[in-house]
């Protein structure tokens, strides 16, 4: 678990929640992602009010993707290393784009190059 603090908040990855609340927020995040048609990945942020209710703060369609950003940190907690996360995102996006016949050649070109650079 990774924690960071500031004067006004404490953040832990993963969030320190009972399993039922965690599952509920995962469901809400997935629903928001699908309704907003956010593509291969997103980060949906929630805040908890003083009464214990959850509020969706924002849907981030292009969350930070450095190794220390929140999405890669959450993936790491789930057992997905940064390089694997990037590869999964590329595969999902490639599959979605390759459905459009006009983009098939372009998608193949941009997708093969990153895989060739892997060590």
Protein backbone atom coordinates (compact mmCIF):
# COMPACT_ATOMS: atom_id res chain seq x y z
CA UNK A 1 0.00 0.00 0.00
CA UNK A 2 1.30 3.44 -0.89
CA UNK A 3 0.26 6.50 1.12
CA UNK A 4 0.76 10.17 0.51
CA UNK A 5 -0.44 13.03 2.64
CA UNK A 6 -0.97 16.73 2.31
CA UNK A 7 -2.40 19.33 4.66
CA UNK A 8 -5.97 18.54 3.62
CA UNK A 9 -6.07 14.92 2.58
CA UNK A 10 -4.64 11.45 2.87
CA UNK A 11 -4.49 9.19 -0.15
CA UNK A 12 -3.80 5.47 -0.09
CA UNK A 13 -3.53 3.11 -3.03
CA UNK A 14 -5.59 1.02 -2.78
CA UNK A 15 -8.18 2.93 -0.79
CA UNK A 16 -8.65 1.61 2.73
CA UNK A 17 -12.28 0.52 2.40
CA UNK A 18 -14.30 -2.51 3.41
CA UNK A 19 -14.59 -5.02 0.55
CA UNK A 20 -18.29 -4.23 -0.02
CA UNK A 21 -17.64 -0.49 -0.42
CA UNK A 22 -14.67 -1.14 -2.68
CA UNK A 23 -16.80 -3.40 -4.90
CA UNK A 24 -19.57 -0.77 -4.99
CA UNK A 25 -17.15 1.97 -6.11
CA UNK A 26 -15.61 -0.32 -8.73
CA UNK A 27 -19.10 -0.92 -10.09
CA UNK A 28 -19.87 2.81 -10.12
CA UNK A 29 -16.56 3.57 -11.85
CA UNK A 30 -17.16 0.94 -14.52
CA UNK A 31 -20.69 2.22 -15.13
CA UNK A 32 -19.43 5.80 -15.48
CA UNK A 33 -16.69 4.66 -17.86
CA UNK A 34 -19.18 2.82 -20.06
CA UNK A 35 -21.86 5.53 -20.05
CA UNK A 36 -19.30 8.18 -20.98
CA UNK A 37 -17.77 5.87 -23.63
CA UNK A 38 -14.25 6.59 -22.43
CA UNK A 39 -12.37 4.08 -24.57
CA UNK A 40 -9.51 1.85 -23.46
CA UNK A 41 -9.01 3.27 -19.97
CA UNK A 42 -9.94 6.02 -17.57
CA UNK A 43 -9.73 6.96 -13.92
CA UNK A 44 -12.94 7.79 -12.09
CA UNK A 45 -12.35 9.74 -8.87
CA UNK A 46 -14.67 9.61 -5.89
CA UNK A 47 -14.76 11.56 -2.64
CA UNK A 48 -16.48 10.66 0.59
CA UNK A 49 -18.52 13.21 2.49
CA UNK A 50 -18.66 13.54 6.27
CA UNK A 51 -21.82 11.40 6.38
CA UNK A 52 -20.08 8.52 4.56
CA UNK A 53 -21.68 9.04 1.15
CA UNK A 54 -19.62 8.72 -2.01
CA UNK A 55 -19.61 11.36 -4.73
CA UNK A 56 -18.10 11.09 -8.17
CA UNK A 57 -15.66 13.97 -8.42
CA UNK A 58 -14.53 13.50 -12.01
CA UNK A 59 -14.06 11.12 -14.88
CA UNK A 60 -10.55 11.44 -16.21
CA UNK A 61 -10.39 10.17 -19.79
CA UNK A 62 -6.59 10.58 -20.00
CA UNK A 63 -5.19 10.02 -16.52
CA UNK A 64 -1.48 10.41 -15.88
CA UNK A 65 0.57 7.51 -17.19
CA UNK A 66 3.95 7.91 -15.57
CA UNK A 67 5.05 5.00 -13.41
CA UNK A 68 4.11 7.02 -10.30
CA UNK A 69 0.66 8.19 -11.46
CA UNK A 70 -2.49 6.90 -9.77
CA UNK A 71 -3.65 4.53 -12.54
CA UNK A 72 -0.31 2.68 -12.75
CA UNK A 73 -0.16 2.55 -8.94
CA UNK A 74 -3.61 0.94 -8.81
CA UNK A 75 -2.61 -1.52 -11.53
CA UNK A 76 0.51 -2.47 -9.59
CA UNK A 77 -1.59 -3.22 -6.52
CA UNK A 78 -3.66 -5.53 -8.76
CA UNK A 79 -0.45 -7.30 -9.85
CA UNK A 80 -0.10 -5.55 -13.22
CA UNK A 81 3.33 -4.05 -13.86
CA UNK A 82 3.63 -0.74 -15.72
CA UNK A 83 4.87 -2.27 -19.00
CA UNK A 84 2.04 -4.82 -18.97
CA UNK A 85 -0.50 -2.06 -18.28
CA UNK A 86 0.73 -0.11 -21.31
CA UNK A 87 0.59 -3.21 -23.47
CA UNK A 88 -2.97 -3.99 -22.35
CA UNK A 89 -4.09 -0.44 -23.14
CA UNK A 90 -2.48 -0.65 -26.58
CA UNK A 91 -4.13 -3.99 -27.32
CA UNK A 92 -7.60 -2.78 -26.30
CA UNK A 93 -7.27 0.42 -28.28
CA UNK A 94 -5.84 -1.39 -31.29
CA UNK A 95 -8.74 -3.85 -31.28
CA UNK A 96 -11.26 -1.00 -31.09
CA UNK A 97 -9.62 1.03 -33.85
CA UNK A 98 -8.99 -1.90 -36.15
CA UNK A 99 -12.76 -2.40 -36.44
CA UNK A 100 -12.79 0.71 -38.64
CA UNK A 101 -11.56 -0.50 -42.04
CA UNK A 102 -10.15 2.88 -43.04
CA UNK A 103 -7.79 2.77 -40.03
CA UNK A 104 -6.63 -0.87 -40.25
CA UNK A 105 -3.25 -0.21 -41.90
CA UNK A 106 -2.52 2.77 -39.66
CA UNK A 107 -3.37 0.83 -36.49
CA UNK A 108 -1.10 -2.03 -37.44
CA UNK A 109 1.75 0.40 -38.06
CA UNK A 110 1.43 2.27 -34.77
CA UNK A 111 0.79 -0.84 -32.69
CA UNK A 112 3.69 -3.02 -33.84
CA UNK A 113 6.33 -0.36 -33.20
CA UNK A 114 5.93 -0.16 -29.38
CA UNK A 115 6.02 -3.94 -29.07
CA UNK A 116 9.25 -4.08 -31.06
CA UNK A 117 10.86 -1.70 -28.55
CA UNK A 118 10.07 -3.92 -25.55
CA UNK A 119 12.98 -5.48 -23.71
